């Protein structure tokens, strides 16, 4: 079993290259083509990403075995949470389920997003 610590997640933090990712998540631009399954998998697996969620920072790491780990560091001192979960991929769509737990280990929130990926030239 892989042991996972907050320090490891933060020290491994990898933020996707900003110029490569489009900010508009609405209508697709003309000429957009779906990323391949391998291209989508390469965006996530083995990487850690940081999200600013307003009341703190969330770090997710996706592993090749289909699992994920997450850590939330809140803005208030001593406020944190952690998640474990799984991910799946079909075509150009990446989905994951993260089970957010409190300090006692009880699941308090389940987050289940899916995101489709396309490319126009070098823009993803």
PDB file of N, CA and C in Angstrom:
ATOM      1  N   UNK A   1       0.845  -1.182   0.000  1.00  0.00           N
ATOM      2  CA  UNK A   1       0.000   0.000   0.000  1.00  0.00           C
ATOM      3  C   UNK A   1       0.888   1.242   0.000  1.00  0.00           C
ATOM      4  N   UNK A   2       0.544   2.212  -0.814  1.00  0.00           N
ATOM      5  CA  UNK A   2       1.313   3.437  -0.906  1.00  0.00           C
ATOM      6  C   UNK A   2       0.921   4.364   0.229  1.00  0.00           C
ATOM      7  N   UNK A   3       1.905   4.838   0.958  1.00  0.00           N
ATOM      8  CA  UNK A   3       1.648   5.799   2.022  1.00  0.00           C
ATOM      9  C   UNK A   3       1.686   7.176   1.400  1.00  0.00           C
ATOM     10  N   UNK A   4       0.818   8.036   1.816  1.00  0.00           N
ATOM     11  CA  UNK A   4       0.661   9.331   1.192  1.00  0.00           C
ATOM     12  C   UNK A   4       0.613  10.396   2.265  1.00  0.00           C
ATOM     13  N   UNK A   5       1.412  11.405   2.155  1.00  0.00           N
ATOM     14  CA  UNK A   5       1.405  12.467   3.158  1.00  0.00           C
ATOM     15  C   UNK A   5       1.183  13.815   2.506  1.00  0.00           C
ATOM     16  N   UNK A   6       0.724  14.759   3.295  1.00  0.00           N
ATOM     17  CA  UNK A   6       0.501  16.108   2.805  1.00  0.00           C
ATOM     18  C   UNK A   6       1.784  16.677   2.230  1.00  0.00           C
ATOM     19  N   UNK A   7       2.882  16.475   2.908  1.00  0.00           N
ATOM     20  CA  UNK A   7       4.158  17.013   2.440  1.00  0.00           C
ATOM     21  C   UNK A   7       4.535  16.443   1.082  1.00  0.00           C
ATOM     22  N   UNK A   8       4.268  15.166   0.887  1.00  0.00           N
ATOM     23  CA  UNK A   8       4.604  14.543  -0.396  1.00  0.00           C
ATOM     24  C   UNK A   8       3.776  15.142  -1.514  1.00  0.00           C
ATOM     25  N   UNK A   9       2.498  15.365  -1.258  1.00  0.00           N
ATOM     26  CA  UNK A   9       1.637  15.945  -2.291  1.00  0.00           C
ATOM     27  C   UNK A   9       2.101  17.342  -2.631  1.00  0.00           C
ATOM     28  N   UNK A  10       2.366  18.147  -1.615  1.00  0.00           N
ATOM     29  CA  UNK A  10       2.762  19.520  -1.852  1.00  0.00           C
ATOM     30  C   UNK A  10       4.128  19.575  -2.516  1.00  0.00           C
ATOM     31  N   UNK A  11       5.043  18.723  -2.093  1.00  0.00           N
ATOM     32  CA  UNK A  11       6.373  18.745  -2.692  1.00  0.00           C
ATOM     33  C   UNK A  11       6.349  18.259  -4.131  1.00  0.00           C
ATOM     34  N   UNK A  12       5.351  17.445  -4.500  1.00  0.00           N
ATOM     35  CA  UNK A  12       5.248  16.939  -5.866  1.00  0.00           C
ATOM     36  C   UNK A  12       4.385  17.835  -6.740  1.00  0.00           C
ATOM     37  N   UNK A  13       3.881  18.939  -6.177  1.00  0.00           N
ATOM     38  CA  UNK A  13       2.917  19.777  -6.898  1.00  0.00           C
ATOM     39  C   UNK A  13       3.401  20.129  -8.294  1.00  0.00           C
ATOM     40  N   UNK A  14       2.516  19.870  -9.239  1.00  0.00           N
ATOM     41  CA  UNK A  14       2.805  20.134 -10.634  1.00  0.00           C
ATOM     42  C   UNK A  14       1.629  20.913 -11.180  1.00  0.00           C
ATOM     43  N   UNK A  15       1.874  22.116 -11.641  1.00  0.00           N
ATOM     44  CA  UNK A  15       0.806  22.923 -12.212  1.00  0.00           C
ATOM     45  C   UNK A  15       0.948  22.859 -13.718  1.00  0.00           C
ATOM     46  N   UNK A  16      -0.139  22.446 -14.392  1.00  0.00           N
ATOM     47  CA  UNK A  16      -0.100  22.336 -15.840  1.00  0.00           C
ATOM     48  C   UNK A  16       0.350  23.649 -16.460  1.00  0.00           C
ATOM     49  N   UNK A  17       1.026  23.584 -17.584  1.00  0.00           N
ATOM     50  CA  UNK A  17       1.541  24.767 -18.274  1.00  0.00           C
ATOM     51  C   UNK A  17       0.398  25.698 -18.644  1.00  0.00           C
ATOM     52  N   UNK A  18       0.388  26.883 -18.089  1.00  0.00           N
ATOM     53  CA  UNK A  18      -0.696  27.839 -18.277  1.00  0.00           C
ATOM     54  C   UNK A  18      -0.982  28.187 -19.728  1.00  0.00           C
ATOM     55  N   UNK A  19       0.016  28.447 -20.584  1.00  0.00           N
ATOM     56  CA  UNK A  19      -0.316  28.856 -21.935  1.00  0.00           C
ATOM     57  C   UNK A  19      -0.950  27.761 -22.778  1.00  0.00           C
ATOM     58  N   UNK A  20      -0.853  26.533 -22.363  1.00  0.00           N
ATOM     59  CA  UNK A  20      -1.372  25.430 -23.157  1.00  0.00           C
ATOM     60  C   UNK A  20      -2.870  25.255 -22.966  1.00  0.00           C
ATOM     61  N   UNK A  21      -3.432  25.669 -21.854  1.00  0.00           N
ATOM     62  CA  UNK A  21      -4.825  25.388 -21.532  1.00  0.00           C
ATOM     63  C   UNK A  21      -5.720  26.595 -21.763  1.00  0.00           C
ATOM     64  N   UNK A  22      -6.825  26.361 -22.469  1.00  0.00           N
ATOM     65  CA  UNK A  22      -7.783  27.425 -22.735  1.00  0.00           C
ATOM     66  C   UNK A  22      -8.550  27.765 -21.465  1.00  0.00           C
ATOM     67  N   UNK A  23      -8.916  29.024 -21.323  1.00  0.00           N
ATOM     68  CA  UNK A  23      -9.673  29.451 -20.156  1.00  0.00           C
ATOM     69  C   UNK A  23     -11.171  29.291 -20.355  1.00  0.00           C
ATOM     70  N   UNK A  24     -11.638  29.301 -21.599  1.00  0.00           N
ATOM     71  CA  UNK A  24     -13.052  29.189 -21.892  1.00  0.00           C
ATOM     72  C   UNK A  24     -13.465  27.728 -21.891  1.00  0.00           C
ATOM     73  N   UNK A  25     -14.359  27.349 -20.994  1.00  0.00           N
ATOM     74  CA  UNK A  25     -14.831  25.973 -20.940  1.00  0.00           C
ATOM     75  C   UNK A  25     -16.219  25.849 -21.551  1.00  0.00           C
ATOM     76  N   UNK A  26     -16.593  26.800 -22.399  1.00  0.00           N
ATOM     77  CA  UNK A  26     -17.907  26.787 -23.031  1.00  0.00           C
ATOM     78  C   UNK A  26     -17.862  26.215 -24.420  1.00  0.00           C
ATOM     79  N   UNK A  27     -18.276  27.016 -25.412  1.00  0.00           N
ATOM     80  CA  UNK A  27     -18.354  26.595 -26.803  1.00  0.00           C
ATOM     81  C   UNK A  27     -16.959  26.291 -27.361  1.00  0.00           C
ATOM     82  N   UNK A  28     -16.866  25.191 -28.096  1.00  0.00           N
ATOM     83  CA  UNK A  28     -15.585  24.809 -28.705  1.00  0.00           C
ATOM     84  C   UNK A  28     -15.275  25.693 -29.904  1.00  0.00           C
ATOM     85  N   UNK A  29     -14.006  26.075 -30.058  1.00  0.00           N
ATOM     86  CA  UNK A  29     -13.635  26.858 -31.240  1.00  0.00           C
ATOM     87  C   UNK A  29     -13.683  26.016 -32.505  1.00  0.00           C
ATOM     88  N   UNK A  30     -13.805  26.699 -33.641  1.00  0.00           N
ATOM     89  CA  UNK A  30     -13.829  26.024 -34.940  1.00  0.00           C
ATOM     90  C   UNK A  30     -12.526  25.243 -35.123  1.00  0.00           C
ATOM     91  N   UNK A  31     -12.625  24.020 -35.624  1.00  0.00           N
ATOM     92  CA  UNK A  31     -11.447  23.200 -35.878  1.00  0.00           C
ATOM     93  C   UNK A  31     -10.982  22.387 -34.686  1.00  0.00           C
ATOM     94  N   UNK A  32     -11.731  22.397 -33.585  1.00  0.00           N
ATOM     95  CA  UNK A  32     -11.344  21.625 -32.393  1.00  0.00           C
ATOM     96  C   UNK A  32     -11.433  20.128 -32.682  1.00  0.00           C
ATOM     97  N   UNK A  33     -10.424  19.388 -32.250  1.00  0.00           N
ATOM     98  CA  UNK A  33     -10.421  17.927 -32.393  1.00  0.00           C
ATOM     99  C   UNK A  33     -10.205  17.297 -31.013  1.00  0.00           C
ATOM    100  N   UNK A  34     -10.834  16.155 -30.811  1.00  0.00           N
ATOM    101  CA  UNK A  34     -10.703  15.456 -29.533  1.00  0.00           C
ATOM    102  C   UNK A  34      -9.276  14.980 -29.319  1.00  0.00           C
ATOM    103  N   UNK A  35      -8.808  15.076 -28.071  1.00  0.00           N
ATOM    104  CA  UNK A  35      -7.537  14.465 -27.725  1.00  0.00           C
ATOM    105  C   UNK A  35      -7.729  12.955 -27.692  1.00  0.00           C
ATOM    106  N   UNK A  36      -6.675  12.208 -27.946  1.00  0.00           N
ATOM    107  CA  UNK A  36      -6.744  10.748 -27.857  1.00  0.00           C
ATOM    108  C   UNK A  36      -6.785  10.338 -26.385  1.00  0.00           C
ATOM    109  N   UNK A  37      -7.181   9.092 -26.141  1.00  0.00           N
ATOM    110  CA  UNK A  37      -7.186   8.587 -24.760  1.00  0.00           C
ATOM    111  C   UNK A  37      -5.807   8.711 -24.132  1.00  0.00           C
ATOM    112  N   UNK A  38      -4.760   8.393 -24.883  1.00  0.00           N
ATOM    113  CA  UNK A  38      -3.407   8.469 -24.329  1.00  0.00           C
ATOM    114  C   UNK A  38      -3.020   9.907 -24.002  1.00  0.00           C
ATOM    115  N   UNK A  39      -3.379  10.850 -24.860  1.00  0.00           N
ATOM    116  CA  UNK A  39      -3.072  12.261 -24.588  1.00  0.00           C
ATOM    117  C   UNK A  39      -3.764  12.742 -23.316  1.00  0.00           C
ATOM    118  N   UNK A  40      -5.028  12.347 -23.142  1.00  0.00           N
ATOM    119  CA  UNK A  40      -5.767  12.738 -21.938  1.00  0.00           C
ATOM    120  C   UNK A  40      -5.136  12.087 -20.711  1.00  0.00           C
ATOM    121  N   UNK A  41      -4.834  10.806 -20.802  1.00  0.00           N
ATOM    122  CA  UNK A  41      -4.209  10.092 -19.688  1.00  0.00           C
ATOM    123  C   UNK A  41      -2.890  10.763 -19.299  1.00  0.00           C
ATOM    124  N   UNK A  42      -2.107  11.179 -20.292  1.00  0.00           N
ATOM    125  CA  UNK A  42      -0.825  11.828 -20.019  1.00  0.00           C
ATOM    126  C   UNK A  42      -0.978  13.169 -19.304  1.00  0.00           C
ATOM    127  N   UNK A  43      -2.130  13.833 -19.478  1.00  0.00           N
ATOM    128  CA  UNK A  43      -2.377  15.091 -18.767  1.00  0.00           C
ATOM    129  C   UNK A  43      -2.484  14.868 -17.260  1.00  0.00           C
ATOM    130  N   UNK A  44      -2.993  13.720 -16.864  1.00  0.00           N
ATOM    131  CA  UNK A  44      -3.300  13.469 -15.458  1.00  0.00           C
ATOM    132  C   UNK A  44      -2.329  12.511 -14.765  1.00  0.00           C
ATOM    133  N   UNK A  45      -2.206  11.319 -15.284  1.00  0.00           N
ATOM    134  CA  UNK A  45      -1.527  10.233 -14.575  1.00  0.00           C
ATOM    135  C   UNK A  45      -0.055  10.567 -14.318  1.00  0.00           C
ATOM    136  N   UNK A  46       0.321  10.447 -13.048  1.00  0.00           N
ATOM    137  CA  UNK A  46       1.684  10.744 -12.630  1.00  0.00           C
ATOM    138  C   UNK A  46       1.913  12.213 -12.329  1.00  0.00           C
ATOM    139  N   UNK A  47       0.882  13.020 -12.464  1.00  0.00           N
ATOM    140  CA  UNK A  47       1.003  14.450 -12.210  1.00  0.00           C
ATOM    141  C   UNK A  47       0.172  14.868 -11.008  1.00  0.00           C
ATOM    142  N   UNK A  48       0.578  15.972 -10.424  1.00  0.00           N
ATOM    143  CA  UNK A  48      -0.181  16.607  -9.356  1.00  0.00           C
ATOM    144  C   UNK A  48      -0.572  17.979  -9.852  1.00  0.00           C
ATOM    145  N   UNK A  49      -1.805  18.358  -9.580  1.00  0.00           N
ATOM    146  CA  UNK A  49      -2.293  19.665  -9.995  1.00  0.00           C
ATOM    147  C   UNK A  49      -2.818  20.403  -8.765  1.00  0.00           C
ATOM    148  N   UNK A  50      -2.707  21.715  -8.795  1.00  0.00           N
ATOM    149  CA  UNK A  50      -3.163  22.563  -7.686  1.00  0.00           C
ATOM    150  C   UNK A  50      -4.339  23.399  -8.162  1.00  0.00           C
ATOM    151  N   UNK A  51      -5.431  23.398  -7.379  1.00  0.00           N
ATOM    152  CA  UNK A  51      -6.595  24.220  -7.669  1.00  0.00           C
ATOM    153  C   UNK A  51      -6.806  25.188  -6.514  1.00  0.00           C
ATOM    154  N   UNK A  52      -7.082  26.444  -6.826  1.00  0.00           N
ATOM    155  CA  UNK A  52      -7.498  27.415  -5.818  1.00  0.00           C
ATOM    156  C   UNK A  52      -9.011  27.312  -5.739  1.00  0.00           C
ATOM    157  N   UNK A  53      -9.531  26.872  -4.597  1.00  0.00           N
ATOM    158  CA  UNK A  53     -10.965  26.647  -4.461  1.00  0.00           C
ATOM    159  C   UNK A  53     -11.646  27.719  -3.612  1.00  0.00           C
ATOM    160  N   UNK A  54     -11.002  28.855  -3.476  1.00  0.00           N
ATOM    161  CA  UNK A  54     -11.591  29.968  -2.744  1.00  0.00           C
ATOM    162  C   UNK A  54     -11.240  29.983  -1.271  1.00  0.00           C
ATOM    163  N   UNK A  55     -11.566  28.908  -0.559  1.00  0.00           N
ATOM    164  CA  UNK A  55     -11.269  28.865   0.879  1.00  0.00           C
ATOM    165  C   UNK A  55      -9.985  28.083   1.169  1.00  0.00           C
ATOM    166  N   UNK A  56      -9.201  27.825   0.126  1.00  0.00           N
ATOM    167  CA  UNK A  56      -7.937  27.120   0.304  1.00  0.00           C
ATOM    168  C   UNK A  56      -7.430  26.569  -1.017  1.00  0.00           C
ATOM    169  N   UNK A  57      -6.443  25.705  -0.915  1.00  0.00           N
ATOM    170  CA  UNK A  57      -5.854  25.077  -2.094  1.00  0.00           C
ATOM    171  C   UNK A  57      -6.083  23.576  -2.041  1.00  0.00           C
ATOM    172  N   UNK A  58      -6.403  22.993  -3.178  1.00  0.00           N
ATOM    173  CA  UNK A  58      -6.583  21.546  -3.285  1.00  0.00           C
ATOM    174  C   UNK A  58      -5.516  21.019  -4.234  1.00  0.00           C
ATOM    175  N   UNK A  59      -4.859  19.945  -3.816  1.00  0.00           N
ATOM    176  CA  UNK A  59      -3.865  19.264  -4.629  1.00  0.00           C
ATOM    177  C   UNK A  59      -4.380  17.855  -4.914  1.00  0.00           C
ATOM    178  N   UNK A  60      -4.405  17.474  -6.195  1.00  0.00           N
ATOM    179  CA  UNK A  60      -4.770  16.120  -6.589  1.00  0.00           C
ATOM    180  C   UNK A  60      -3.581  15.473  -7.283  1.00  0.00           C
ATOM    181  N   UNK A  61      -3.372  14.188  -7.028  1.00  0.00           N
ATOM    182  CA  UNK A  61      -2.405  13.382  -7.765  1.00  0.00           C
ATOM    183  C   UNK A  61      -3.127  12.142  -8.254  1.00  0.00           C
ATOM    184  N   UNK A  62      -2.971  11.849  -9.564  1.00  0.00           N
ATOM    185  CA  UNK A  62      -3.592  10.684 -10.184  1.00  0.00           C
ATOM    186  C   UNK A  62      -2.523   9.641 -10.453  1.00  0.00           C
ATOM    187  N   UNK A  63      -2.816   8.375 -10.103  1.00  0.00           N
ATOM    188  CA  UNK A  63      -1.854   7.280 -10.223  1.00  0.00           C
ATOM    189  C   UNK A  63      -2.270   6.310 -11.327  1.00  0.00           C
ATOM    190  N   UNK A  64      -1.279   5.617 -11.898  1.00  0.00           N
ATOM    191  CA  UNK A  64      -1.502   4.701 -13.019  1.00  0.00           C
ATOM    192  C   UNK A  64      -2.447   3.549 -12.683  1.00  0.00           C
ATOM    193  N   UNK A  65      -2.572   3.207 -11.401  1.00  0.00           N
ATOM    194  CA  UNK A  65      -3.445   2.091 -11.019  1.00  0.00           C
ATOM    195  C   UNK A  65      -4.923   2.479 -10.948  1.00  0.00           C
ATOM    196  N   UNK A  66      -5.270   3.705 -11.377  1.00  0.00           N
ATOM    197  CA  UNK A  66      -6.666   4.132 -11.383  1.00  0.00           C
ATOM    198  C   UNK A  66      -7.115   4.787 -10.092  1.00  0.00           C
ATOM    199  N   UNK A  67      -6.173   5.119  -9.214  1.00  0.00           N
ATOM    200  CA  UNK A  67      -6.522   5.768  -7.953  1.00  0.00           C
ATOM    201  C   UNK A  67      -6.049   7.217  -7.956  1.00  0.00           C
ATOM    202  N   UNK A  68      -6.520   7.961  -6.971  1.00  0.00           N
ATOM    203  CA  UNK A  68      -6.086   9.335  -6.781  1.00  0.00           C
ATOM    204  C   UNK A  68      -5.982   9.623  -5.300  1.00  0.00           C
ATOM    205  N   UNK A  69      -5.226  10.654  -4.983  1.00  0.00           N
ATOM    206  CA  UNK A  69      -5.132  11.184  -3.622  1.00  0.00           C
ATOM    207  C   UNK A  69      -5.310  12.687  -3.726  1.00  0.00           C
ATOM    208  N   UNK A  70      -5.920  13.260  -2.719  1.00  0.00           N
ATOM    209  CA  UNK A  70      -6.114  14.701  -2.683  1.00  0.00           C
ATOM    210  C   UNK A  70      -5.848  15.241  -1.301  1.00  0.00           C
ATOM    211  N   UNK A  71      -5.380  16.488  -1.257  1.00  0.00           N
ATOM    212  CA  UNK A  71      -5.157  17.189   0.005  1.00  0.00           C
ATOM    213  C   UNK A  71      -5.700  18.589  -0.162  1.00  0.00           C
ATOM    214  N   UNK A  72      -6.439  19.053   0.840  1.00  0.00           N
ATOM    215  CA  UNK A  72      -6.890  20.443   0.853  1.00  0.00           C
ATOM    216  C   UNK A  72      -6.222  21.136   2.028  1.00  0.00           C
ATOM    217  N   UNK A  73      -5.615  22.272   1.724  1.00  0.00           N
ATOM    218  CA  UNK A  73      -5.011  23.105   2.760  1.00  0.00           C
ATOM    219  C   UNK A  73      -5.857  24.365   2.821  1.00  0.00           C
ATOM    220  N   UNK A  74      -6.591  24.524   3.918  1.00  0.00           N
ATOM    221  CA  UNK A  74      -7.488  25.669   4.063  1.00  0.00           C
ATOM    222  C   UNK A  74      -6.733  26.939   4.396  1.00  0.00           C
ATOM    223  N   UNK A  75      -7.417  28.069   4.251  1.00  0.00           N
ATOM    224  CA  UNK A  75      -6.807  29.368   4.551  1.00  0.00           C
ATOM    225  C   UNK A  75      -6.638  29.580   6.053  1.00  0.00           C
ATOM    226  N   UNK A  76      -7.463  28.932   6.848  1.00  0.00           N
ATOM    227  CA  UNK A  76      -7.349  29.054   8.305  1.00  0.00           C
ATOM    228  C   UNK A  76      -6.278  28.098   8.812  1.00  0.00           C
ATOM    229  N   UNK A  77      -5.515  28.537   9.792  1.00  0.00           N
ATOM    230  CA  UNK A  77      -4.438  27.716  10.351  1.00  0.00           C
ATOM    231  C   UNK A  77      -4.993  26.387  10.872  1.00  0.00           C
ATOM    232  N   UNK A  78      -4.356  25.296  10.474  1.00  0.00           N
ATOM    233  CA  UNK A  78      -4.746  23.966  10.934  1.00  0.00           C
ATOM    234  C   UNK A  78      -5.914  23.355  10.196  1.00  0.00           C
ATOM    235  N   UNK A  79      -6.462  24.061   9.223  1.00  0.00           N
ATOM    236  CA  UNK A  79      -7.604  23.544   8.468  1.00  0.00           C
ATOM    237  C   UNK A  79      -7.096  22.746   7.264  1.00  0.00           C
ATOM    238  N   UNK A  80      -7.470  21.481   7.198  1.00  0.00           N
ATOM    239  CA  UNK A  80      -7.053  20.649   6.077  1.00  0.00           C
ATOM    240  C   UNK A  80      -8.035  19.499   5.909  1.00  0.00           C
ATOM    241  N   UNK A  81      -7.920  18.830   4.790  1.00  0.00           N
ATOM    242  CA  UNK A  81      -8.723  17.651   4.525  1.00  0.00           C
ATOM    243  C   UNK A  81      -7.951  16.773   3.563  1.00  0.00           C
ATOM    244  N   UNK A  82      -8.405  15.569   3.392  1.00  0.00           N
ATOM    245  CA  UNK A  82      -7.749  14.678   2.448  1.00  0.00           C
ATOM    246  C   UNK A  82      -8.800  13.832   1.750  1.00  0.00           C
ATOM    247  N   UNK A  83      -8.420  13.332   0.565  1.00  0.00           N
ATOM    248  CA  UNK A  83      -9.351  12.531  -0.225  1.00  0.00           C
ATOM    249  C   UNK A  83      -8.616  11.354  -0.842  1.00  0.00           C
ATOM    250  N   UNK A  84      -9.372  10.312  -1.059  1.00  0.00           N
ATOM    251  CA  UNK A  84      -8.883   9.223  -1.894  1.00  0.00           C
ATOM    252  C   UNK A  84      -9.997   8.927  -2.873  1.00  0.00           C
ATOM    253  N   UNK A  85      -9.670   8.224  -3.930  1.00  0.00           N
ATOM    254  CA  UNK A  85     -10.695   7.947  -4.908  1.00  0.00           C
ATOM    255  C   UNK A  85     -10.158   7.203  -6.105  1.00  0.00           C
ATOM    256  N   UNK A  86     -10.917   7.267  -7.185  1.00  0.00           N
ATOM    257  CA  UNK A  86     -10.583   6.555  -8.412  1.00  0.00           C
ATOM    258  C   UNK A  86     -10.818   7.464  -9.612  1.00  0.00           C
ATOM    259  N   UNK A  87     -10.237   7.070 -10.746  1.00  0.00           N
ATOM    260  CA  UNK A  87     -10.473   7.802 -11.983  1.00  0.00           C
ATOM    261  C   UNK A  87     -10.738   6.820 -13.115  1.00  0.00           C
ATOM    262  N   UNK A  88     -11.448   7.299 -14.136  1.00  0.00           N
ATOM    263  CA  UNK A  88     -11.703   6.522 -15.347  1.00  0.00           C
ATOM    264  C   UNK A  88     -11.538   7.452 -16.541  1.00  0.00           C
ATOM    265  N   UNK A  89     -11.370   6.831 -17.694  1.00  0.00           N
ATOM    266  CA  UNK A  89     -11.214   7.601 -18.920  1.00  0.00           C
ATOM    267  C   UNK A  89     -11.898   6.856 -20.048  1.00  0.00           C
ATOM    268  N   UNK A  90     -12.654   7.592 -20.833  1.00  0.00           N
ATOM    269  CA  UNK A  90     -13.292   7.039 -22.016  1.00  0.00           C
ATOM    270  C   UNK A  90     -13.130   8.054 -23.134  1.00  0.00           C
ATOM    271  N   UNK A  91     -12.415   7.658 -24.183  1.00  0.00           N
ATOM    272  CA  UNK A  91     -12.177   8.590 -25.284  1.00  0.00           C
ATOM    273  C   UNK A  91     -11.410   9.804 -24.785  1.00  0.00           C
ATOM    274  N   UNK A  92     -11.982  10.992 -25.020  1.00  0.00           N
ATOM    275  CA  UNK A  92     -11.324  12.221 -24.589  1.00  0.00           C
ATOM    276  C   UNK A  92     -11.869  12.735 -23.258  1.00  0.00           C
ATOM    277  N   UNK A  93     -12.621  11.908 -22.539  1.00  0.00           N
ATOM    278  CA  UNK A  93     -13.250  12.343 -21.287  1.00  0.00           C
ATOM    279  C   UNK A  93     -12.614  11.661 -20.087  1.00  0.00           C
ATOM    280  N   UNK A  94     -12.200  12.475 -19.129  1.00  0.00           N
ATOM    281  CA  UNK A  94     -11.565  12.003 -17.892  1.00  0.00           C
ATOM    282  C   UNK A  94     -12.515  12.292 -16.744  1.00  0.00           C
ATOM    283  N   UNK A  95     -12.858  11.271 -15.968  1.00  0.00           N
ATOM    284  CA  UNK A  95     -13.752  11.416 -14.817  1.00  0.00           C
ATOM    285  C   UNK A  95     -13.037  10.913 -13.570  1.00  0.00           C
ATOM    286  N   UNK A  96     -13.339  11.526 -12.439  1.00  0.00           N
ATOM    287  CA  UNK A  96     -12.803  11.002 -11.196  1.00  0.00           C
ATOM    288  C   UNK A  96     -13.784  11.205 -10.063  1.00  0.00           C
ATOM    289  N   UNK A  97     -13.644  10.357  -9.060  1.00  0.00           N
ATOM    290  CA  UNK A  97     -14.439  10.442  -7.840  1.00  0.00           C
ATOM    291  C   UNK A  97     -13.475  10.615  -6.688  1.00  0.00           C
ATOM    292  N   UNK A  98     -13.639  11.705  -5.936  1.00  0.00           N
ATOM    293  CA  UNK A  98     -12.795  11.913  -4.767  1.00  0.00           C
ATOM    294  C   UNK A  98     -13.679  11.953  -3.527  1.00  0.00           C
ATOM    295  N   UNK A  99     -13.335  11.127  -2.565  1.00  0.00           N
ATOM    296  CA  UNK A  99     -14.073  11.021  -1.310  1.00  0.00           C
ATOM    297  C   UNK A  99     -13.328  11.838  -0.259  1.00  0.00           C
ATOM    298  N   UNK A 100     -13.854  13.037   0.039  1.00  0.00           N
ATOM    299  CA  UNK A 100     -13.200  13.951   0.980  1.00  0.00           C
ATOM    300  C   UNK A 100     -13.553  13.589   2.407  1.00  0.00           C
ATOM    301  N   UNK A 101     -12.526  13.465   3.228  1.00  0.00           N
ATOM    302  CA  UNK A 101     -12.690  12.977   4.600  1.00  0.00           C
ATOM    303  C   UNK A 101     -12.267  14.042   5.610  1.00  0.00           C
ATOM    304  N   UNK A 102     -12.846  13.946   6.789  1.00  0.00           N
ATOM    305  CA  UNK A 102     -12.428  14.844   7.868  1.00  0.00           C
ATOM    306  C   UNK A 102     -11.270  14.208   8.635  1.00  0.00           C
ATOM    307  N   UNK A 103     -10.849  14.853   9.696  1.00  0.00           N
ATOM    308  CA  UNK A 103      -9.697  14.380  10.473  1.00  0.00           C
ATOM    309  C   UNK A 103      -9.914  12.989  11.061  1.00  0.00           C
ATOM    310  N   UNK A 104     -11.169  12.617  11.280  1.00  0.00           N
ATOM    311  CA  UNK A 104     -11.454  11.297  11.849  1.00  0.00           C
ATOM    312  C   UNK A 104     -11.502  10.204  10.769  1.00  0.00           C
ATOM    313  N   UNK A 105     -11.451  10.598   9.487  1.00  0.00           N
ATOM    314  CA  UNK A 105     -11.488   9.622   8.402  1.00  0.00           C
ATOM    315  C   UNK A 105     -12.869   9.374   7.832  1.00  0.00           C
ATOM    316  N   UNK A 106     -13.865  10.092   8.333  1.00  0.00           N
ATOM    317  CA  UNK A 106     -15.234   9.932   7.849  1.00  0.00           C
ATOM    318  C   UNK A 106     -15.436  10.747   6.570  1.00  0.00           C
ATOM    319  N   UNK A 107     -16.020  10.122   5.533  1.00  0.00           N
ATOM    320  CA  UNK A 107     -16.286  10.833   4.281  1.00  0.00           C
ATOM    321  C   UNK A 107     -17.352  11.891   4.525  1.00  0.00           C
ATOM    322  N   UNK A 108     -17.010  13.136   4.171  1.00  0.00           N
ATOM    323  CA  UNK A 108     -17.911  14.267   4.366  1.00  0.00           C
ATOM    324  C   UNK A 108     -18.453  14.836   3.063  1.00  0.00           C
ATOM    325  N   UNK A 109     -17.743  14.560   1.946  1.00  0.00           N
ATOM    326  CA  UNK A 109     -18.135  15.130   0.671  1.00  0.00           C
ATOM    327  C   UNK A 109     -17.563  14.271  -0.449  1.00  0.00           C
ATOM    328  N   UNK A 110     -18.365  14.019  -1.474  1.00  0.00           N
ATOM    329  CA  UNK A 110     -17.903  13.256  -2.638  1.00  0.00           C
ATOM    330  C   UNK A 110     -17.970  14.183  -3.848  1.00  0.00           C
ATOM    331  N   UNK A 111     -16.854  14.308  -4.533  1.00  0.00           N
ATOM    332  CA  UNK A 111     -16.744  15.169  -5.712  1.00  0.00           C
ATOM    333  C   UNK A 111     -16.531  14.274  -6.925  1.00  0.00           C
ATOM    334  N   UNK A 112     -17.403  14.433  -7.973  1.00  0.00           N
ATOM    335  CA  UNK A 112     -17.374  13.528  -9.133  1.00  0.00           C
ATOM    336  C   UNK A 112     -17.444  14.319 -10.437  1.00  0.00           C
ATOM    337  N   UNK A 113     -16.361  14.993 -10.824  1.00  0.00           N
ATOM    338  CA  UNK A 113     -16.395  15.728 -12.080  1.00  0.00           C
ATOM    339  C   UNK A 113     -15.952  14.869 -13.273  1.00  0.00           C
ATOM    340  N   UNK A 114     -16.323  15.309 -14.462  1.00  0.00           N
ATOM    341  CA  UNK A 114     -15.826  14.761 -15.724  1.00  0.00           C
ATOM    342  C   UNK A 114     -15.439  15.941 -16.598  1.00  0.00           C
ATOM    343  N   UNK A 115     -14.386  15.754 -17.377  1.00  0.00           N
ATOM    344  CA  UNK A 115     -13.933  16.829 -18.257  1.00  0.00           C
ATOM    345  C   UNK A 115     -13.503  16.225 -19.586  1.00  0.00           C
ATOM    346  N   UNK A 116     -14.040  16.793 -20.685  1.00  0.00           N
ATOM    347  CA  UNK A 116     -13.644  16.399 -22.030  1.00  0.00           C
ATOM    348  C   UNK A 116     -12.533  17.321 -22.508  1.00  0.00           C
ATOM    349  N   UNK A 117     -11.624  16.776 -23.313  1.00  0.00           N
ATOM    350  CA  UNK A 117     -10.462  17.535 -23.770  1.00  0.00           C
ATOM    351  C   UNK A 117     -10.382  17.571 -25.287  1.00  0.00           C
ATOM    352  N   UNK A 118     -10.139  18.784 -25.846  1.00  0.00           N
ATOM    353  CA  UNK A 118      -9.990  19.013 -27.274  1.00  0.00           C
ATOM    354  C   UNK A 118      -8.746  19.857 -27.532  1.00  0.00           C
ATOM    355  N   UNK A 119      -8.332  19.887 -28.781  1.00  0.00           N
ATOM    356  CA  UNK A 119      -7.168  20.684 -29.168  1.00  0.00           C
ATOM    357  C   UNK A 119      -7.491  21.466 -30.435  1.00  0.00           C
ATOM    358  N   UNK A 120      -6.977  22.705 -30.466  1.00  0.00           N
ATOM    359  CA  UNK A 120      -6.956  23.510 -31.688  1.00  0.00           C
ATOM    360  C   UNK A 120      -5.512  23.980 -31.819  1.00  0.00           C
ATOM    361  N   UNK A 121      -4.790  23.442 -32.784  1.00  0.00           N
ATOM    362  CA  UNK A 121      -3.353  23.756 -32.892  1.00  0.00           C
ATOM    363  C   UNK A 121      -2.635  23.275 -31.642  1.00  0.00           C
ATOM    364  N   UNK A 122      -1.915  24.171 -30.971  1.00  0.00           N
ATOM    365  CA  UNK A 122      -1.220  23.826 -29.732  1.00  0.00           C
ATOM    366  C   UNK A 122      -2.069  24.087 -28.492  1.00  0.00           C
ATOM    367  N   UNK A 123      -3.216  24.698 -28.671  1.00  0.00           N
ATOM    368  CA  UNK A 123      -4.099  25.045 -27.553  1.00  0.00           C
ATOM    369  C   UNK A 123      -4.947  23.849 -27.158  1.00  0.00           C
ATOM    370  N   UNK A 124      -4.923  23.500 -25.867  1.00  0.00           N
ATOM    371  CA  UNK A 124      -5.742  22.398 -25.356  1.00  0.00           C
ATOM    372  C   UNK A 124      -6.897  22.985 -24.571  1.00  0.00           C
TER     373      UNK A 124
END
